[in-house]
C-alpha atoms as a PDB file:
ATOM      1  CA  UNK A   1      -2.645 -11.574  -3.921  1.00  0.00           C
ATOM      2  CA  UNK A   2      -5.097  -8.542  -3.886  1.00  0.00           C
ATOM      3  CA  UNK A   3      -4.567  -5.765  -1.077  1.00  0.00           C
ATOM      4  CA  UNK A   4      -5.914  -2.321  -0.051  1.00  0.00           C
ATOM      5  CA  UNK A   5      -3.889   0.261   1.095  1.00  0.00           C
ATOM      6  CA  UNK A   6      -5.801   2.860   3.664  1.00  0.00           C
ATOM      7  CA  UNK A   7      -3.761   6.232   4.665  1.00  0.00           C
ATOM      8  CA  UNK A   8      -4.443   8.070   7.182  1.00  0.00           C
ATOM      9  CA  UNK A   9      -3.973  11.653   7.887  1.00  0.00           C
ATOM     10  CA  UNK A  10      -6.139  15.165   7.717  1.00  0.00           C
ATOM     11  CA  UNK A  11      -2.841  16.418   6.009  1.00  0.00           C
ATOM     12  CA  UNK A  12      -2.974  14.232   3.172  1.00  0.00           C
ATOM     13  CA  UNK A  13      -6.409  15.147   2.315  1.00  0.00           C
ATOM     14  CA  UNK A  14      -5.858  18.728   2.502  1.00  0.00           C
ATOM     15  CA  UNK A  15      -2.484  18.548   0.383  1.00  0.00           C
ATOM     16  CA  UNK A  16       0.011  19.809   3.170  1.00  0.00           C
ATOM     17  CA  UNK A  17       1.821  16.456   2.778  1.00  0.00           C
ATOM     18  CA  UNK A  18       1.874  14.114  -0.601  1.00  0.00           C
ATOM     19  CA  UNK A  19       1.091  10.547  -0.261  1.00  0.00           C
ATOM     20  CA  UNK A  20       4.183   9.144  -1.142  1.00  0.00           C
ATOM     21  CA  UNK A  21       3.858   6.114   0.812  1.00  0.00           C
ATOM     22  CA  UNK A  22       0.726   4.804  -0.957  1.00  0.00           C
ATOM     23  CA  UNK A  23       3.271   5.059  -3.974  1.00  0.00           C
ATOM     24  CA  UNK A  24       6.087   3.597  -2.646  1.00  0.00           C
ATOM     25  CA  UNK A  25       3.803   0.726  -1.106  1.00  0.00           C
ATOM     26  CA  UNK A  26       1.996  -0.359  -4.781  1.00  0.00           C
ATOM     27  CA  UNK A  27       5.295  -0.426  -6.450  1.00  0.00           C
ATOM     28  CA  UNK A  28       6.620  -2.651  -3.698  1.00  0.00           C
ATOM     29  CA  UNK A  29       3.693  -5.109  -3.314  1.00  0.00           C
ATOM     30  CA  UNK A  30       3.898  -5.036  -7.179  1.00  0.00           C
ATOM     31  CA  UNK A  31       7.568  -6.206  -7.449  1.00  0.00           C
ATOM     32  CA  UNK A  32       6.531  -8.912  -4.981  1.00  0.00           C
ATOM     33  CA  UNK A  33       3.477  -9.852  -7.719  1.00  0.00           C
ATOM     34  CA  UNK A  34       0.666  -8.847  -5.467  1.00  0.00           C
ATOM     35  CA  UNK A  35      -1.980  -6.547  -7.041  1.00  0.00           C
ATOM     36  CA  UNK A  36      -3.106  -3.371  -5.088  1.00  0.00           C
ATOM     37  CA  UNK A  37      -7.137  -3.102  -5.857  1.00  0.00           C
ATOM     38  CA  UNK A  38      -7.869  -0.373  -3.964  1.00  0.00           C
ATOM     39  CA  UNK A  39      -6.169   3.151  -1.764  1.00  0.00           C
ATOM     40  CA  UNK A  40      -8.116   5.171   0.369  1.00  0.00           C
ATOM     41  CA  UNK A  41      -7.124   8.352   2.370  1.00  0.00           C
ATOM     42  CA  UNK A  42      -9.360   9.110   5.444  1.00  0.00           C
ATOM     43  CA  UNK A  43      -9.101  12.041   7.855  1.00  0.00           C
ATOM     44  CA  UNK A  44      -7.882  11.281  11.645  1.00  0.00           C
ATOM     45  CA  UNK A  45     -11.384  10.199  12.710  1.00  0.00           C
ATOM     46  CA  UNK A  46     -11.865   6.768  14.485  1.00  0.00           C
ATOM     47  CA  UNK A  47     -15.219   5.857  13.031  1.00  0.00           C
ATOM     48  CA  UNK A  48     -13.782   6.760   9.367  1.00  0.00           C
ATOM     49  CA  UNK A  49     -11.025   4.546   9.735  1.00  0.00           C
ATOM     50  CA  UNK A  50     -12.538   1.819  11.515  1.00  0.00           C
ATOM     51  CA  UNK A  51     -15.032   1.849   8.456  1.00  0.00           C
ATOM     52  CA  UNK A  52     -12.844   1.642   6.258  1.00  0.00           C
ATOM     53  CA  UNK A  53     -10.802  -1.094   7.184  1.00  0.00           C
ATOM     54  CA  UNK A  54     -13.716  -3.611   8.026  1.00  0.00           C
ATOM     55  CA  UNK A  55     -15.311  -3.203   4.512  1.00  0.00           C
ATOM     56  CA  UNK A  56     -11.768  -3.616   2.965  1.00  0.00           C
ATOM     57  CA  UNK A  57     -10.823  -6.666   4.816  1.00  0.00           C
ATOM     58  CA  UNK A  58     -14.030  -8.495   3.341  1.00  0.00           C
ATOM     59  CA  UNK A  59     -13.139  -7.696   0.301  1.00  0.00           C
ATOM     60  CA  UNK A  60      -9.252  -8.194  -0.138  1.00  0.00           C
ATOM     61  CA  UNK A  61      -6.566 -10.359   0.999  1.00  0.00           C
ATOM     62  CA  UNK A  62      -4.916  -7.947   3.061  1.00  0.00           C
ATOM     63  CA  UNK A  63      -5.107  -4.361   4.055  1.00  0.00           C
ATOM     64  CA  UNK A  64      -2.260  -2.308   4.878  1.00  0.00           C
ATOM     65  CA  UNK A  65      -2.907   0.852   6.973  1.00  0.00           C
ATOM     66  CA  UNK A  66      -0.561   3.846   7.288  1.00  0.00           C
ATOM     67  CA  UNK A  67      -0.214   6.951   9.631  1.00  0.00           C
ATOM     68  CA  UNK A  68      -2.162   7.422  12.828  1.00  0.00           C
ATOM     69  CA  UNK A  69       0.502   5.788  14.941  1.00  0.00           C
ATOM     70  CA  UNK A  70       1.082   7.029  18.616  1.00  0.00           C
ATOM     71  CA  UNK A  71      -0.229   8.493  21.735  1.00  0.00           C
ATOM     72  CA  UNK A  72      -1.144  12.149  20.737  1.00  0.00           C
ATOM     73  CA  UNK A  73      -4.664  12.977  20.548  1.00  0.00           C
ATOM     74  CA  UNK A  74      -4.979  12.262  16.875  1.00  0.00           C
ATOM     75  CA  UNK A  75      -3.742   8.997  16.543  1.00  0.00           C
ATOM     76  CA  UNK A  76      -6.566   7.162  16.567  1.00  0.00           C
ATOM     77  CA  UNK A  77      -5.497   4.073  14.102  1.00  0.00           C
ATOM     78  CA  UNK A  78      -5.117   1.351  17.033  1.00  0.00           C
ATOM     79  CA  UNK A  79      -8.249   1.910  18.195  1.00  0.00           C
ATOM     80  CA  UNK A  80     -10.212   2.116  14.958  1.00  0.00           C
ATOM     81  CA  UNK A  81      -8.518  -1.348  13.754  1.00  0.00           C
ATOM     82  CA  UNK A  82      -9.690  -2.734  16.882  1.00  0.00           C
ATOM     83  CA  UNK A  83     -12.977  -1.572  16.396  1.00  0.00           C
ATOM     84  CA  UNK A  84     -13.016  -2.915  12.960  1.00  0.00           C
ATOM     85  CA  UNK A  85     -11.984  -6.373  13.882  1.00  0.00           C
ATOM     86  CA  UNK A  86     -13.996  -6.311  17.331  1.00  0.00           C
ATOM     87  CA  UNK A  87     -11.198  -6.309  19.984  1.00  0.00           C
ATOM     88  CA  UNK A  88     -10.612  -3.821  22.963  1.00  0.00           C
ATOM     89  CA  UNK A  89      -6.936  -2.207  22.692  1.00  0.00           C
ATOM     90  CA  UNK A  90      -4.950  -2.740  25.891  1.00  0.00           C
ATOM     91  CA  UNK A  91      -1.164  -2.484  26.681  1.00  0.00           C
ATOM     92  CA  UNK A  92       0.876  -4.769  24.771  1.00  0.00           C
ATOM     93  CA  UNK A  93       3.912  -6.298  26.757  1.00  0.00           C
ATOM     94  CA  UNK A  94       5.650  -7.367  23.707  1.00  0.00           C
ATOM     95  CA  UNK A  95       5.963  -3.716  22.779  1.00  0.00           C
ATOM     96  CA  UNK A  96       7.045  -2.535  25.818  1.00  0.00           C
ATOM     97  CA  UNK A  97       9.636  -5.241  26.245  1.00  0.00           C
ATOM     98  CA  UNK A  98      11.049  -4.195  22.988  1.00  0.00           C
ATOM     99  CA  UNK A  99      10.991  -0.669  23.254  1.00  0.00           C
ATOM    100  CA  UNK A 100      12.581  -0.621  26.672  1.00  0.00           C
ATOM    101  CA  UNK A 101      15.633  -3.073  25.215  1.00  0.00           C
ATOM    102  CA  UNK A 102      15.813  -1.264  22.092  1.00  0.00           C
ATOM    103  CA  UNK A 103      15.271   2.066  22.584  1.00  0.00           C
ATOM    104  CA  UNK A 104      16.468   4.918  25.169  1.00  0.00           C
ATOM    105  CA  UNK A 105      12.923   4.880  26.320  1.00  0.00           C
ATOM    106  CA  UNK A 106      12.153   3.518  29.786  1.00  0.00           C
ATOM    107  CA  UNK A 107       8.678   2.096  30.474  1.00  0.00           C
ATOM    108  CA  UNK A 108       7.621   5.166  33.063  1.00  0.00           C
ATOM    109  CA  UNK A 109       9.018   7.509  30.350  1.00  0.00           C
ATOM    110  CA  UNK A 110       6.576   6.549  27.651  1.00  0.00           C
ATOM    111  CA  UNK A 111       3.702   8.515  26.662  1.00  0.00           C
ATOM    112  CA  UNK A 112       0.768   6.974  27.816  1.00  0.00           C
ATOM    113  CA  UNK A 113      -0.917   4.898  24.971  1.00  0.00           C
ATOM    114  CA  UNK A 114       2.198   4.130  22.665  1.00  0.00           C
ATOM    115  CA  UNK A 115       2.076   0.372  23.707  1.00  0.00           C
ATOM    116  CA  UNK A 116      -1.245  -0.079  23.569  1.00  0.00           C
ATOM    117  CA  UNK A 117      -2.409  -2.323  20.746  1.00  0.00           C
ATOM    118  CA  UNK A 118      -5.337  -4.361  19.429  1.00  0.00           C
ATOM    119  CA  UNK A 119      -5.817  -7.400  21.906  1.00  0.00           C
ATOM    120  CA  UNK A 120      -4.367 -10.323  20.233  1.00  0.00           C
ATOM    121  CA  UNK A 121      -2.273  -8.837  17.729  1.00  0.00           C
ATOM    122  CA  UNK A 122       1.336  -9.218  16.464  1.00  0.00           C
ATOM    123  CA  UNK A 123       3.345  -6.572  17.135  1.00  0.00           C
ATOM    124  CA  UNK A 124       5.499  -5.115  14.540  1.00  0.00           C
ATOM    125  CA  UNK A 125       8.644  -3.376  16.412  1.00  0.00           C
ATOM    126  CA  UNK A 126       9.690  -0.131  14.787  1.00  0.00           C
ATOM    127  CA  UNK A 127      13.239   0.352  14.114  1.00  0.00           C
ATOM    128  CA  UNK A 128      13.358   3.587  12.708  1.00  0.00           C
ATOM    129  CA  UNK A 129      11.125   5.045  15.602  1.00  0.00           C
ATOM    130  CA  UNK A 130       9.287   4.447  18.666  1.00  0.00           C
ATOM    131  CA  UNK A 131       5.491   3.528  18.612  1.00  0.00           C
ATOM    132  CA  UNK A 132       5.122   0.170  17.412  1.00  0.00           C
ATOM    133  CA  UNK A 133       2.875  -1.280  14.263  1.00  0.00           C
ATOM    134  CA  UNK A 134       1.031  -4.709  14.381  1.00  0.00           C
ATOM    135  CA  UNK A 135      -0.839  -7.424  11.927  1.00  0.00           C
ATOM    136  CA  UNK A 136      -4.505  -8.656  13.328  1.00  0.00           C
ATOM    137  CA  UNK A 137      -6.924 -10.521  11.078  1.00  0.00           C
ATOM    138  CA  UNK A 138      -5.399  -9.518   7.835  1.00  0.00           C
ATOM    139  CA  UNK A 139      -4.767  -6.072   8.762  1.00  0.00           C
ATOM    140  CA  UNK A 140      -1.467  -4.662   8.490  1.00  0.00           C
ATOM    141  CA  UNK A 141      -0.751  -1.155  10.790  1.00  0.00           C
ATOM    142  CA  UNK A 142       2.593   0.496  10.032  1.00  0.00           C
ATOM    143  CA  UNK A 143       3.375   4.078  10.681  1.00  0.00           C
ATOM    144  CA  UNK A 144       2.914   7.098   8.779  1.00  0.00           C
ATOM    145  CA  UNK A 145       6.480   8.302   8.868  1.00  0.00           C
ATOM    146  CA  UNK A 146       8.031   7.130   5.166  1.00  0.00           C
ATOM    147  CA  UNK A 147      11.320   6.206   6.693  1.00  0.00           C
ATOM    148  CA  UNK A 148       9.901   4.183   9.873  1.00  0.00           C
ATOM    149  CA  UNK A 149       6.868   2.771   7.350  1.00  0.00           C
ATOM    150  CA  UNK A 150       9.533   1.573   4.546  1.00  0.00           C
ATOM    151  CA  UNK A 151      11.613  -0.222   7.228  1.00  0.00           C
ATOM    152  CA  UNK A 152       8.655  -2.153   9.054  1.00  0.00           C
ATOM    153  CA  UNK A 153       7.091  -3.352   5.657  1.00  0.00           C
ATOM    154  CA  UNK A 154      10.600  -4.897   4.652  1.00  0.00           C
ATOM    155  CA  UNK A 155       9.947  -6.546   7.962  1.00  0.00           C
ATOM    156  CA  UNK A 156       6.850  -8.506   6.651  1.00  0.00           C
ATOM    157  CA  UNK A 157       7.143  -8.043   2.894  1.00  0.00           C
ATOM    158  CA  UNK A 158       7.763 -11.799   2.017  1.00  0.00           C
ATOM    159  CA  UNK A 159       3.897 -12.206   3.501  1.00  0.00           C
ATOM    160  CA  UNK A 160       2.875 -10.599   0.335  1.00  0.00           C
ATOM    161  CA  UNK A 161       3.486 -12.674  -2.931  1.00  0.00           C
ATOM    162  CA  UNK A 162       1.634 -13.002  -5.930  1.00  0.00           C
ATOM    163  CA  UNK A 163       2.535 -14.322  -9.980  1.00  0.00           C
ATOM    164  CA  UNK A 164       5.047 -11.603 -10.685  1.00  0.00           C
ATOM    165  CA  UNK A 165       4.006  -9.646 -14.123  1.00  0.00           C
ATOM    166  CA  UNK A 166       6.505  -8.438 -16.779  1.00  0.00           C
ATOM    167  CA  UNK A 167       6.353  -5.188 -17.914  1.00  0.00           C
ATOM    168  CA  UNK A 168       6.794  -3.309 -20.964  1.00  0.00           C
ATOM    169  CA  UNK A 169       6.557   0.401 -22.242  1.00  0.00           C
ATOM    170  CA  UNK A 170       5.960   1.414 -25.541  1.00  0.00           C
ATOM    171  CA  UNK A 171       5.735   5.409 -26.581  1.00  0.00           C
ATOM    172  CA  UNK A 172       3.553   6.688 -29.189  1.00  0.00           C
ATOM    173  CA  UNK A 173       3.683   9.975 -30.647  1.00  0.00           C
ATOM    174  CA  UNK A 174      -0.152   9.977 -31.273  1.00  0.00           C
ATOM    175  CA  UNK A 175      -3.155  11.147 -29.828  1.00  0.00           C
ATOM    176  CA  UNK A 176      -4.948   8.904 -27.044  1.00  0.00           C
ATOM    177  CA  UNK A 177      -7.881   8.743 -28.574  1.00  0.00           C
ATOM    178  CA  UNK A 178      -6.063   7.463 -31.965  1.00  0.00           C
ATOM    179  CA  UNK A 179      -5.042   4.620 -30.596  1.00  0.00           C
ATOM    180  CA  UNK A 180      -8.276   3.358 -28.968  1.00  0.00           C
ATOM    181  CA  UNK A 181      -8.746   0.504 -31.439  1.00  0.00           C
ATOM    182  CA  UNK A 182      -5.235  -0.853 -31.954  1.00  0.00           C
ATOM    183  CA  UNK A 183      -5.701  -0.862 -27.691  1.00  0.00           C
ATOM    184  CA  UNK A 184      -8.751  -3.098 -28.466  1.00  0.00           C
ATOM    185  CA  UNK A 185      -7.341  -5.231 -31.093  1.00  0.00           C
ATOM    186  CA  UNK A 186      -4.195  -6.037 -28.842  1.00  0.00           C
ATOM    187  CA  UNK A 187      -6.329  -6.975 -26.158  1.00  0.00           C
ATOM    188  CA  UNK A 188      -7.970  -9.178 -27.906  1.00  0.00           C
ATOM    189  CA  UNK A 189      -5.024 -10.597 -29.791  1.00  0.00           C
ATOM    190  CA  UNK A 190      -2.900 -11.095 -26.275  1.00  0.00           C
ATOM    191  CA  UNK A 191      -3.407 -11.762 -22.781  1.00  0.00           C
ATOM    192  CA  UNK A 192      -2.017  -8.380 -21.237  1.00  0.00           C
ATOM    193  CA  UNK A 193      -3.425  -5.750 -19.611  1.00  0.00           C
ATOM    194  CA  UNK A 194      -3.052  -1.996 -20.907  1.00  0.00           C
ATOM    195  CA  UNK A 195      -2.437   0.811 -19.580  1.00  0.00           C
ATOM    196  CA  UNK A 196      -2.299   4.418 -21.200  1.00  0.00           C
ATOM    197  CA  UNK A 197      -0.870   7.634 -19.916  1.00  0.00           C
ATOM    198  CA  UNK A 198      -0.815  10.709 -22.022  1.00  0.00           C
ATOM    199  CA  UNK A 199       1.598  13.603 -21.855  1.00  0.00           C
ATOM    200  CA  UNK A 200       3.707  15.236 -24.541  1.00  0.00           C
ATOM    201  CA  UNK A 201       3.052  11.778 -25.841  1.00  0.00           C
ATOM    202  CA  UNK A 202       1.551   8.417 -25.058  1.00  0.00           C
ATOM    203  CA  UNK A 203       3.344   6.161 -22.653  1.00  0.00           C
ATOM    204  CA  UNK A 204       1.354   2.270 -23.220  1.00  0.00           C
ATOM    205  CA  UNK A 205       2.259  -0.014 -20.193  1.00  0.00           C
ATOM    206  CA  UNK A 206       1.856  -3.829 -20.946  1.00  0.00           C
ATOM    207  CA  UNK A 207       1.567  -6.378 -18.356  1.00  0.00           C
ATOM    208  CA  UNK A 208       1.462 -10.139 -18.111  1.00  0.00           C
ATOM    209  CA  UNK A 209       2.396 -12.764 -16.003  1.00  0.00           C
ATOM    210  CA  UNK A 210       3.688 -14.503 -19.396  1.00  0.00           C
ATOM    211  CA  UNK A 211       6.959 -13.286 -20.845  1.00  0.00           C
ATOM    212  CA  UNK A 212       6.732 -14.653 -23.708  1.00  0.00           C
ATOM    213  CA  UNK A 213       3.213 -13.382 -24.286  1.00  0.00           C
ATOM    214  CA  UNK A 214       4.080  -9.808 -23.888  1.00  0.00           C
ATOM    215  CA  UNK A 215       7.117  -9.688 -25.950  1.00  0.00           C
ATOM    216  CA  UNK A 216       4.599 -10.690 -28.791  1.00  0.00           C
ATOM    217  CA  UNK A 217       2.605  -8.366 -27.730  1.00  0.00           C
ATOM    218  CA  UNK A 218       4.962  -5.168 -27.450  1.00  0.00           C
ATOM    219  CA  UNK A 219       6.362  -6.193 -30.755  1.00  0.00           C
ATOM    220  CA  UNK A 220       2.938  -6.014 -32.509  1.00  0.00           C
ATOM    221  CA  UNK A 221       1.991  -2.706 -30.709  1.00  0.00           C
ATOM    222  CA  UNK A 222       5.786  -1.052 -32.188  1.00  0.00           C
ATOM    223  CA  UNK A 223       4.857  -2.253 -35.480  1.00  0.00           C
ATOM    224  CA  UNK A 224       1.686  -0.141 -35.241  1.00  0.00           C
ATOM    225  CA  UNK A 225       2.512   3.220 -33.689  1.00  0.00           C
ATOM    226  CA  UNK A 226       4.335   6.361 -34.752  1.00  0.00           C
ATOM    227  CA  UNK A 227       7.456   6.428 -32.663  1.00  0.00           C
ATOM    228  CA  UNK A 228       8.605   9.459 -30.534  1.00  0.00           C
ATOM    229  CA  UNK A 229      11.733  10.910 -31.609  1.00  0.00           C
END
């Protein structure tokens, strides 16, 4: 299953907030065997959000959007997602009922727009907050507040799956440029993906759905790199 993630917020683009949501989602989706193919950060502009969602949902199995939920002036994600799939937003009776029954808010106390969702969507309750999320046509809309996003994702985690990829890490005390030919031979010999991450030393990350093949690739590489102390 191939996934795209769209994170919404001017504060992410300005560097005021670190985009921890994308990293957390990537890790959880990988744990389930799903493959994150694209991560996009967009500003709090309805047209920008709608354009990205519309393009990505045509290319990937699912799109997860985080951020921009609620009733304030810059919370435009629901309207943008609705525009991307060609439906209006409207008050969602299920959202009103859930908030009334599970929070301290009465309907009359809610700021206008809190319970407005794309027409025909499946509402996702917000166990850690108020503003609900939703699912519509393969687009999953989650809050931007990390605690709320994580709790809501766990309620839908089973909807994301794929072939689990086993991982091995080999550390090499050599320049990354010196390892290029060995990486090429490694990929030719074994059905694994190879990622290299330089720092004080080079971390080589090997992945495969075949654990035995991965073990053979790891052993082959360890015999041919300079180990770290």
